[in-house]
């Protein structure tokens, strides 16, 4: 309660009100728009003030927000957000995939930024209503979906340094196609590979920082390094971190652009098995929901090989008969390069809401020796060796056996073609 003993209102989905637009916008044809460019008819908005708590949530016509120039979000980057998708299933129903996890992560991000918190179930009910109203905007074409962007910003109108005790929580939706361009040779969305340039001078996140939260301030500093990578002919940055590491160990891999990173390695020796590795959640890496989904599915499959449990996959994940290990551990750039040289690097891929699963076809780095690979940075001179690429076994053919199986399984789960652990939220 506040000083006047008035109760602070919680976020209450039962108070949701809807203000209808006078004229609906035309829905564009899929394939005619970029990722995130289209504005739909409605948005969901609610406000928090220190003295009153949460206002009644409202679905209203999409339009500009009114902000004081001194707003905390404009001055000190108090901006947290989520990325979710809605799909049309074969039964014609709209579904969101593991949306409860997005709500939990949004609350965690808000807490880290000192913003007001809320009941995640209440917000999810409001977003479900928004998706239901905007159902006609959900494209049914393969590789397309309705992207959902809940966002929370601090609105305290003061340039005094400190957390904001007022906030605006809003959600917009936009129809999207594949995040990366589709290759003419491989027209299936995301099966064509992307290239990464390993960088460590520019750091996306660091120990004790905010890399494990979905904050706007974690993304904008990556725009310039992304441009540098593009100038060298690469699609994205492979973020590497060398804090506290010995030079001969090489920088450890963090994230691939805005995606979580996975590598598939053939085991040393003759057991014929594979190891699927992804960096651990050590506070520098965003706990991706697609990442977690992939790990759960892969571990269930690995368990099925030695128990009587049923695999979530209908076909083997590798051509050998050996075991499958799924491990979260640090993975250095040097280890990756050595595995590639030894023929043990089978595939790499990235996971994320925007891309689902995307193949990584090559990774650029500087080779200092046969055993040490270092990321690109500005300290290198004209005498520095040219960039060398780690090229995946599949080359330009796209996803390997593990990545493709994950892509197909997650796609089937997201649109409701298949079910697993009650991960879908139906929007009715």
Protein backbone atom coordinates (compact mmCIF):
# COMPACT_ATOMS: atom_id res chain seq x y z
CA UNK A 1 0.00 0.00 0.00
CA UNK A 2 1.02 3.66 -0.43
CA UNK A 3 1.27 6.35 2.24
CA UNK A 4 -2.47 7.09 2.09
CA UNK A 5 -3.30 3.42 2.67
CA UNK A 6 -4.85 3.10 -0.80
CA UNK A 7 -4.24 -0.34 -2.31
CA UNK A 8 -1.86 -0.58 -5.26
CA UNK A 9 -3.85 -2.08 -8.12
CA UNK A 10 -2.43 -5.28 -9.60
CA UNK A 11 -2.53 -6.02 -13.30
CA UNK A 12 -6.05 -7.42 -13.73
CA UNK A 13 -6.96 -9.12 -17.02
CA UNK A 14 -10.67 -9.09 -16.09
CA UNK A 15 -10.64 -5.29 -16.51
CA UNK A 16 -9.48 -5.50 -20.14
CA UNK A 17 -11.35 -3.09 -22.36
CA UNK A 18 -11.38 -2.93 -26.14
CA UNK A 19 -11.65 0.20 -28.27
CA UNK A 20 -12.33 -0.77 -31.87
CA UNK A 21 -10.86 0.92 -34.93
CA UNK A 22 -13.23 2.60 -37.35
CA UNK A 23 -11.68 1.05 -40.46
CA UNK A 24 -9.52 -2.07 -40.64
CA UNK A 25 -6.27 -1.89 -42.59
CA UNK A 26 -5.71 -4.14 -45.62
CA UNK A 27 -3.56 -7.19 -44.85
CA UNK A 28 -0.55 -7.33 -47.21
CA UNK A 29 0.38 -10.43 -49.16
CA UNK A 30 3.09 -12.55 -47.49
CA UNK A 31 6.43 -12.07 -49.19
CA UNK A 32 5.81 -8.37 -49.90
CA UNK A 33 7.10 -7.05 -46.57
CA UNK A 34 10.25 -7.18 -44.47
CA UNK A 35 10.66 -8.51 -40.96
CA UNK A 36 8.82 -6.28 -38.47
CA UNK A 37 7.86 -3.48 -40.86
CA UNK A 38 4.07 -3.86 -40.91
CA UNK A 39 1.82 -2.16 -38.34
CA UNK A 40 -1.47 -3.91 -37.61
CA UNK A 41 -4.79 -2.49 -36.40
CA UNK A 42 -4.39 -2.75 -32.63
CA UNK A 43 -1.99 -2.65 -29.71
CA UNK A 44 -2.31 -3.55 -26.04
CA UNK A 45 -1.48 -0.81 -23.51
CA UNK A 46 -1.44 -0.45 -19.72
CA UNK A 47 0.29 1.98 -17.36
CA UNK A 48 1.77 1.78 -13.88
CA UNK A 49 2.05 4.69 -11.46
CA UNK A 50 3.61 4.55 -8.01
CA UNK A 51 0.52 5.83 -6.25
CA UNK A 52 -2.12 3.77 -8.02
CA UNK A 53 -0.54 0.67 -9.51
CA UNK A 54 -1.69 -0.79 -12.80
CA UNK A 55 -4.37 0.80 -14.93
CA UNK A 56 -7.03 -1.26 -16.67
CA UNK A 57 -5.42 -2.88 -19.73
CA UNK A 58 -6.76 -1.68 -23.06
CA UNK A 59 -6.66 -3.00 -26.60
CA UNK A 60 -6.85 0.14 -28.72
CA UNK A 61 -6.10 1.33 -32.26
CA UNK A 62 -2.39 1.21 -33.06
CA UNK A 63 -0.77 4.63 -32.80
CA UNK A 64 2.08 6.75 -31.41
CA UNK A 65 2.93 6.88 -27.70
CA UNK A 66 3.08 10.17 -25.79
CA UNK A 67 6.29 10.49 -23.75
CA UNK A 68 7.85 13.31 -21.78
CA UNK A 69 11.31 14.17 -23.20
CA UNK A 70 12.78 13.52 -19.74
CA UNK A 71 11.28 10.02 -19.55
CA UNK A 72 13.53 7.52 -17.81
CA UNK A 73 13.47 5.18 -20.83
CA UNK A 74 14.80 7.92 -23.11
CA UNK A 75 17.47 9.07 -20.67
CA UNK A 76 18.66 5.80 -19.10
CA UNK A 77 17.49 2.98 -21.37
CA UNK A 78 14.93 1.42 -19.03
CA UNK A 79 13.50 -0.74 -21.78
CA UNK A 80 12.76 -4.47 -21.55
CA UNK A 81 10.95 -6.58 -24.12
CA UNK A 82 10.05 -10.04 -25.33
CA UNK A 83 9.76 -11.78 -28.68
CA UNK A 84 6.99 -14.32 -29.28
CA UNK A 85 5.15 -15.77 -32.26
CA UNK A 86 1.64 -16.89 -33.10
CA UNK A 87 0.96 -19.49 -35.79
CA UNK A 88 -2.08 -20.82 -37.60
CA UNK A 89 -2.25 -24.59 -37.16
CA UNK A 90 -3.66 -27.21 -39.50
CA UNK A 91 -6.90 -27.08 -37.48
CA UNK A 92 -7.24 -23.36 -38.23
CA UNK A 93 -6.56 -22.31 -34.62
CA UNK A 94 -4.07 -19.61 -33.63
CA UNK A 95 -1.40 -20.69 -31.15
CA UNK A 96 1.47 -19.13 -29.22
CA UNK A 97 4.47 -21.30 -28.37
CA UNK A 98 5.57 -21.50 -24.70
CA UNK A 99 4.28 -17.99 -24.09
CA UNK A 100 4.27 -18.53 -20.33
CA UNK A 101 8.08 -18.68 -20.46
CA UNK A 102 8.20 -15.33 -22.24
CA UNK A 103 6.07 -13.80 -19.50
CA UNK A 104 8.33 -15.20 -16.78
CA UNK A 105 11.42 -13.86 -18.54
CA UNK A 106 9.81 -10.43 -19.01
CA UNK A 107 9.15 -10.20 -15.27
CA UNK A 108 12.76 -11.18 -14.59
CA UNK A 109 14.04 -8.49 -16.97
CA UNK A 110 11.76 -5.88 -15.39
CA UNK A 111 13.06 -6.75 -11.93
CA UNK A 112 16.66 -6.39 -13.14
CA UNK A 113 15.90 -2.90 -14.48
CA UNK A 114 14.07 -1.81 -11.33
CA UNK A 115 10.77 -1.55 -13.19
CA UNK A 116 7.38 -2.47 -11.69
CA UNK A 117 6.47 -6.15 -11.88
CA UNK A 118 3.14 -7.76 -12.69
CA UNK A 119 1.23 -11.03 -12.74
CA UNK A 120 2.60 -12.86 -15.80
CA UNK A 121 -0.60 -14.90 -16.20
CA UNK A 122 -2.67 -11.71 -16.33
CA UNK A 123 -0.51 -10.23 -19.07
CA UNK A 124 -0.64 -13.46 -21.04
CA UNK A 125 -4.45 -13.43 -20.94
CA UNK A 126 -4.43 -9.88 -22.33
CA UNK A 127 -1.94 -10.79 -25.08
CA UNK A 128 -4.02 -13.85 -25.96
CA UNK A 129 -7.01 -11.54 -26.44
CA UNK A 130 -4.93 -9.23 -28.65
CA UNK A 131 -3.78 -12.13 -30.84
CA UNK A 132 -7.37 -13.36 -31.11
CA UNK A 133 -8.54 -9.93 -32.29
CA UNK A 134 -5.64 -9.65 -34.76
CA UNK A 135 -6.06 -13.21 -36.02
CA UNK A 136 -6.57 -12.14 -39.64
CA UNK A 137 -3.00 -10.80 -39.63
CA UNK A 138 -1.47 -14.23 -38.93
CA UNK A 139 -0.05 -15.51 -42.24
CA UNK A 140 -0.63 -19.19 -42.92
CA UNK A 141 2.27 -19.57 -45.37
CA UNK A 142 5.21 -21.79 -44.46
CA UNK A 143 7.91 -19.91 -42.57
CA UNK A 144 5.54 -17.02 -41.72
CA UNK A 145 3.93 -16.04 -38.42
CA UNK A 146 2.64 -13.16 -36.33
CA UNK A 147 5.51 -11.74 -34.29
CA UNK A 148 4.46 -10.47 -30.84
CA UNK A 149 6.53 -7.81 -29.07
CA UNK A 150 5.60 -7.07 -25.43
CA UNK A 151 7.61 -4.04 -24.28
CA UNK A 152 7.95 -2.25 -20.95
CA UNK A 153 9.53 1.18 -20.58
CA UNK A 154 10.23 3.45 -17.62
CA UNK A 155 8.24 6.68 -17.91
CA UNK A 156 9.25 8.68 -14.84
CA UNK A 157 9.65 12.24 -16.16
CA UNK A 158 12.94 13.22 -14.52
CA UNK A 159 16.58 13.30 -15.57
CA UNK A 160 17.61 12.42 -12.03
CA UNK A 161 19.62 9.19 -12.14
CA UNK A 162 17.57 6.41 -10.61
CA UNK A 163 15.00 3.74 -11.33
CA UNK A 164 11.58 4.61 -12.68
CA UNK A 165 8.53 4.22 -10.42
CA UNK A 166 6.17 4.60 -13.37
CA UNK A 167 6.02 2.52 -16.51
CA UNK A 168 4.20 1.81 -19.74
CA UNK A 169 3.64 -1.82 -20.73
CA UNK A 170 2.49 -2.30 -24.29
CA UNK A 171 2.36 -5.04 -26.90
CA UNK A 172 2.42 -4.72 -30.67
CA UNK A 173 2.14 -7.46 -33.28
CA UNK A 174 3.42 -7.65 -36.83
CA UNK A 175 3.20 -10.30 -39.57
CA UNK A 176 6.64 -11.62 -40.52
CA UNK A 177 8.32 -13.96 -42.94
CA UNK A 178 11.77 -15.58 -42.65
CA UNK A 179 14.28 -13.47 -40.70
CA UNK A 180 17.12 -14.25 -43.09
CA UNK A 181 16.69 -14.09 -46.90
CA UNK A 182 15.80 -17.39 -48.52
CA UNK A 183 18.51 -18.86 -50.74
CA UNK A 184 17.47 -19.46 -54.37
CA UNK A 185 19.19 -22.84 -54.14
CA UNK A 186 17.43 -23.71 -50.89
CA UNK A 187 13.97 -22.09 -50.89
CA UNK A 188 12.91 -23.64 -47.58
CA UNK A 189 13.05 -20.94 -44.85
CA UNK A 190 16.16 -20.95 -42.59
CA UNK A 191 17.62 -24.13 -44.11
CA UNK A 192 20.15 -22.05 -46.03
CA UNK A 193 23.19 -21.24 -43.91
CA UNK A 194 24.39 -17.92 -42.53
CA UNK A 195 27.99 -16.82 -42.01
CA UNK A 196 29.48 -15.45 -38.78
CA UNK A 197 32.52 -13.29 -38.06
CA UNK A 198 34.08 -13.98 -34.65
CA UNK A 199 34.59 -10.74 -32.69
CA UNK A 200 35.87 -10.16 -29.14
CA UNK A 201 37.00 -6.51 -29.05
CA UNK A 202 33.37 -5.45 -29.04
CA UNK A 203 31.63 -7.30 -26.22
CA UNK A 204 27.90 -8.00 -26.16
CA UNK A 205 27.87 -9.02 -22.49
CA UNK A 206 30.26 -9.71 -19.66
CA UNK A 207 30.31 -11.53 -16.29
CA UNK A 208 28.13 -9.74 -13.78
CA UNK A 209 26.43 -7.70 -16.51
CA UNK A 210 22.97 -7.81 -18.03
CA UNK A 211 23.49 -10.25 -20.91
CA UNK A 212 21.18 -12.80 -19.33
CA UNK A 213 18.18 -10.45 -19.60
CA UNK A 214 16.22 -9.22 -22.60
CA UNK A 215 16.97 -5.50 -22.45
CA UNK A 216 17.04 -3.02 -25.29
CA UNK A 217 20.46 -1.79 -24.17
CA UNK A 218 21.96 -5.22 -24.88
CA UNK A 219 21.17 -4.96 -28.59
CA UNK A 220 21.99 -1.46 -29.85
CA UNK A 221 25.75 -1.66 -29.05
CA UNK A 222 25.93 -4.57 -31.48
CA UNK A 223 24.81 -2.54 -34.49
CA UNK A 224 28.30 -1.22 -35.35
CA UNK A 225 30.05 -4.62 -35.02
CA UNK A 226 27.29 -6.06 -37.19
CA UNK A 227 28.14 -3.46 -39.84
CA UNK A 228 31.83 -4.41 -39.59
CA UNK A 229 30.94 -8.06 -40.11
CA UNK A 230 28.84 -7.17 -43.15
CA UNK A 231 31.75 -5.21 -44.63
CA UNK A 232 33.86 -8.37 -44.40
CA UNK A 233 31.14 -10.36 -46.16
CA UNK A 234 29.51 -12.04 -43.14
CA UNK A 235 25.85 -12.11 -42.15
CA UNK A 236 26.20 -11.89 -38.37
CA UNK A 237 28.67 -11.54 -35.50
CA UNK A 238 29.83 -14.50 -33.42
CA UNK A 239 30.26 -12.89 -30.01
CA UNK A 240 33.33 -14.17 -28.16
CA UNK A 241 34.54 -13.41 -24.66
CA UNK A 242 38.17 -13.71 -23.57
CA UNK A 243 37.89 -12.27 -20.06
CA UNK A 244 40.01 -14.36 -17.67
CA UNK A 245 41.04 -16.85 -20.33
CA UNK A 246 44.61 -17.81 -21.19
CA UNK A 247 45.60 -16.76 -24.73
CA UNK A 248 46.32 -20.33 -25.77
CA UNK A 249 42.81 -21.35 -24.78
CA UNK A 250 41.22 -18.91 -27.16
CA UNK A 251 38.13 -16.78 -26.58
CA UNK A 252 34.98 -18.62 -25.56
CA UNK A 253 31.91 -18.43 -27.74
CA UNK A 254 28.92 -16.53 -26.40
CA UNK A 255 26.08 -15.92 -28.87
CA UNK A 256 25.63 -15.89 -32.63
CA UNK A 257 24.20 -12.47 -33.39
CA UNK A 258 20.98 -12.49 -31.36
CA UNK A 259 20.81 -16.30 -31.41
CA UNK A 260 21.93 -19.03 -29.05
CA UNK A 261 24.80 -21.10 -30.48
CA UNK A 262 24.98 -24.90 -30.88
CA UNK A 263 27.76 -27.13 -32.23
CA UNK A 264 27.59 -30.84 -33.05
CA UNK A 265 30.88 -32.72 -32.63
CA UNK A 266 31.77 -36.29 -33.52
CA UNK A 267 33.22 -37.98 -30.46
CA UNK A 268 36.93 -38.73 -30.39
CA UNK A 269 37.66 -42.43 -30.55
CA UNK A 270 35.59 -45.15 -32.14
CA UNK A 271 32.28 -45.12 -30.27
CA UNK A 272 30.51 -43.53 -33.23
CA UNK A 273 28.68 -41.07 -31.01
CA UNK A 274 28.13 -37.33 -31.14
CA UNK A 275 28.15 -34.51 -28.60
CA UNK A 276 25.84 -31.53 -28.95
CA UNK A 277 27.33 -28.51 -27.16
CA UNK A 278 25.88 -25.10 -26.30
CA UNK A 279 27.43 -22.44 -24.03
CA UNK A 280 26.10 -22.48 -20.44
CA UNK A 281 23.78 -19.89 -18.92
CA UNK A 282 26.49 -18.11 -16.94
CA UNK A 283 24.82 -14.70 -16.89
CA UNK A 284 26.38 -13.56 -20.17
CA UNK A 285 23.95 -15.49 -22.36
CA UNK A 286 20.23 -14.95 -22.82
CA UNK A 287 18.22 -17.97 -21.63
CA UNK A 288 16.52 -18.48 -24.98
CA UNK A 289 13.17 -20.24 -24.98
CA UNK A 290 13.91 -21.92 -28.31
CA UNK A 291 17.28 -22.93 -26.82
CA UNK A 292 15.57 -24.51 -23.82
CA UNK A 293 13.04 -26.24 -26.07
CA UNK A 294 15.83 -27.66 -28.22
CA UNK A 295 17.72 -28.92 -25.17
CA UNK A 296 14.63 -30.62 -23.75
CA UNK A 297 13.89 -32.37 -27.04
CA UNK A 298 17.50 -33.42 -27.61
CA UNK A 299 17.88 -34.76 -24.08
CA UNK A 300 14.63 -36.69 -24.36
CA UNK A 301 15.96 -38.28 -27.53
CA UNK A 302 19.33 -39.08 -25.93
CA UNK A 303 17.55 -40.70 -22.97
CA UNK A 304 15.40 -42.79 -25.30
CA UNK A 305 18.52 -44.46 -26.71
CA UNK A 306 19.31 -46.09 -23.36
CA UNK A 307 15.85 -46.40 -21.81
CA UNK A 308 12.37 -47.50 -22.80
CA UNK A 309 11.16 -43.91 -23.19
CA UNK A 310 9.90 -42.63 -26.53
CA UNK A 311 11.97 -40.21 -28.59
CA UNK A 312 10.29 -36.97 -29.70
CA UNK A 313 11.96 -37.44 -33.09
CA UNK A 314 10.75 -39.92 -35.68
CA UNK A 315 14.19 -40.46 -37.25
CA UNK A 316 17.80 -40.78 -35.98
CA UNK A 317 19.76 -37.60 -35.28
CA UNK A 318 22.99 -38.98 -36.71
CA UNK A 319 24.08 -41.72 -39.04
CA UNK A 320 26.18 -43.58 -36.46
CA UNK A 321 25.06 -46.05 -33.84
CA UNK A 322 26.91 -44.49 -30.92
CA UNK A 323 25.59 -42.46 -27.98
CA UNK A 324 24.38 -38.87 -28.05
CA UNK A 325 25.48 -36.44 -25.34
CA UNK A 326 23.84 -33.04 -24.85
CA UNK A 327 26.09 -30.72 -22.85
CA UNK A 328 26.06 -27.11 -21.68
CA UNK A 329 29.69 -26.06 -21.29
CA UNK A 330 32.15 -23.37 -22.41
CA UNK A 331 33.24 -23.81 -26.02
CA UNK A 332 36.30 -21.94 -27.26
CA UNK A 333 36.85 -20.72 -30.78
CA UNK A 334 40.13 -22.66 -30.84
CA UNK A 335 38.37 -25.90 -29.91
CA UNK A 336 35.90 -25.34 -32.71
CA UNK A 337 38.69 -24.70 -35.23
CA UNK A 338 40.62 -27.78 -34.11
CA UNK A 339 37.50 -29.94 -34.34
CA UNK A 340 36.93 -28.66 -37.88
CA UNK A 341 40.54 -29.43 -38.85
CA UNK A 342 40.15 -32.96 -37.46
CA UNK A 343 36.91 -33.50 -39.35
CA UNK A 344 34.92 -33.76 -36.12
CA UNK A 345 32.82 -30.60 -36.49
CA UNK A 346 29.61 -31.92 -38.02
CA UNK A 347 27.44 -28.81 -37.89
CA UNK A 348 26.69 -25.56 -36.11
CA UNK A 349 23.35 -23.80 -35.85
CA UNK A 350 21.67 -20.93 -34.07
CA UNK A 351 18.30 -20.91 -32.32
CA UNK A 352 15.91 -18.08 -31.53
CA UNK A 353 12.31 -16.94 -31.77
CA UNK A 354 12.90 -14.93 -34.93
CA UNK A 355 14.77 -17.69 -36.79
CA UNK A 356 13.65 -20.90 -35.03
CA UNK A 357 16.73 -22.89 -36.14
CA UNK A 358 19.21 -21.59 -38.71
CA UNK A 359 22.29 -23.28 -40.13
CA UNK A 360 25.73 -21.70 -39.68
CA UNK A 361 27.70 -22.44 -42.84
CA UNK A 362 31.03 -20.79 -41.94
CA UNK A 363 32.78 -18.83 -39.19
CA UNK A 364 35.54 -16.33 -39.92
CA UNK A 365 38.53 -15.93 -37.56
CA UNK A 366 42.27 -15.13 -37.46
CA UNK A 367 44.52 -18.22 -37.22
CA UNK A 368 47.52 -17.44 -34.97
CA UNK A 369 48.75 -21.03 -35.08
CA UNK A 370 47.51 -24.52 -35.78
CA UNK A 371 45.95 -24.68 -32.32
CA UNK A 372 44.87 -21.10 -31.59
CA UNK A 373 42.10 -19.16 -33.29
CA UNK A 374 41.36 -15.59 -32.26
CA UNK A 375 38.43 -13.31 -33.03
CA UNK A 376 38.71 -10.27 -35.26
CA UNK A 377 39.60 -6.95 -33.62
CA UNK A 378 41.21 -3.62 -34.49
CA UNK A 379 44.56 -4.43 -32.84
CA UNK A 380 45.58 -6.60 -35.79
CA UNK A 381 47.91 -5.01 -38.34
CA UNK A 382 48.66 -5.41 -42.02
CA UNK A 383 50.95 -8.29 -41.07
CA UNK A 384 48.08 -10.20 -39.49
CA UNK A 385 47.08 -13.35 -41.41
CA UNK A 386 44.00 -13.11 -43.55
CA UNK A 387 40.68 -14.22 -42.18
CA UNK A 388 40.27 -17.98 -42.23
CA UNK A 389 36.90 -19.70 -42.34
CA UNK A 390 35.71 -22.68 -40.37
CA UNK A 391 33.46 -24.31 -42.94
CA UNK A 392 30.80 -26.76 -41.84
CA UNK A 393 30.69 -30.22 -43.39
CA UNK A 394 27.38 -29.36 -45.04
CA UNK A 395 28.86 -26.20 -46.57
CA UNK A 396 26.16 -24.22 -48.35
CA UNK A 397 23.66 -27.07 -48.15
CA UNK A 398 22.14 -25.71 -44.96
CA UNK A 399 21.11 -27.50 -41.80
CA UNK A 400 22.74 -30.78 -40.84
CA UNK A 401 20.99 -33.83 -39.48
CA UNK A 402 20.51 -32.53 -35.92
CA UNK A 403 19.58 -28.98 -36.89
CA UNK A 404 17.12 -30.10 -39.55
CA UNK A 405 15.42 -32.54 -37.16
CA UNK A 406 15.06 -29.76 -34.59
CA UNK A 407 13.76 -27.30 -37.18
CA UNK A 408 11.08 -29.71 -38.36
CA UNK A 409 10.08 -30.81 -34.84
CA UNK A 410 9.89 -27.30 -33.41
CA UNK A 411 7.95 -26.13 -36.45
CA UNK A 412 5.41 -28.91 -35.97
CA UNK A 413 5.10 -28.11 -32.28
CA UNK A 414 4.69 -24.38 -32.82
CA UNK A 415 1.80 -24.60 -35.26
CA UNK A 416 0.04 -27.34 -33.31
CA UNK A 417 0.66 -30.15 -35.79
CA UNK A 418 2.19 -32.03 -32.87
CA UNK A 419 2.01 -31.65 -29.08
CA UNK A 420 4.72 -31.88 -26.44
CA UNK A 421 4.41 -31.12 -22.72
CA UNK A 422 1.52 -28.69 -23.26
CA UNK A 423 3.78 -26.04 -24.76
CA UNK A 424 1.13 -24.31 -26.90
CA UNK A 425 -1.33 -21.62 -25.85
CA UNK A 426 -4.46 -21.58 -28.05
CA UNK A 427 -5.78 -18.07 -28.75
CA UNK A 428 -9.57 -18.21 -28.82
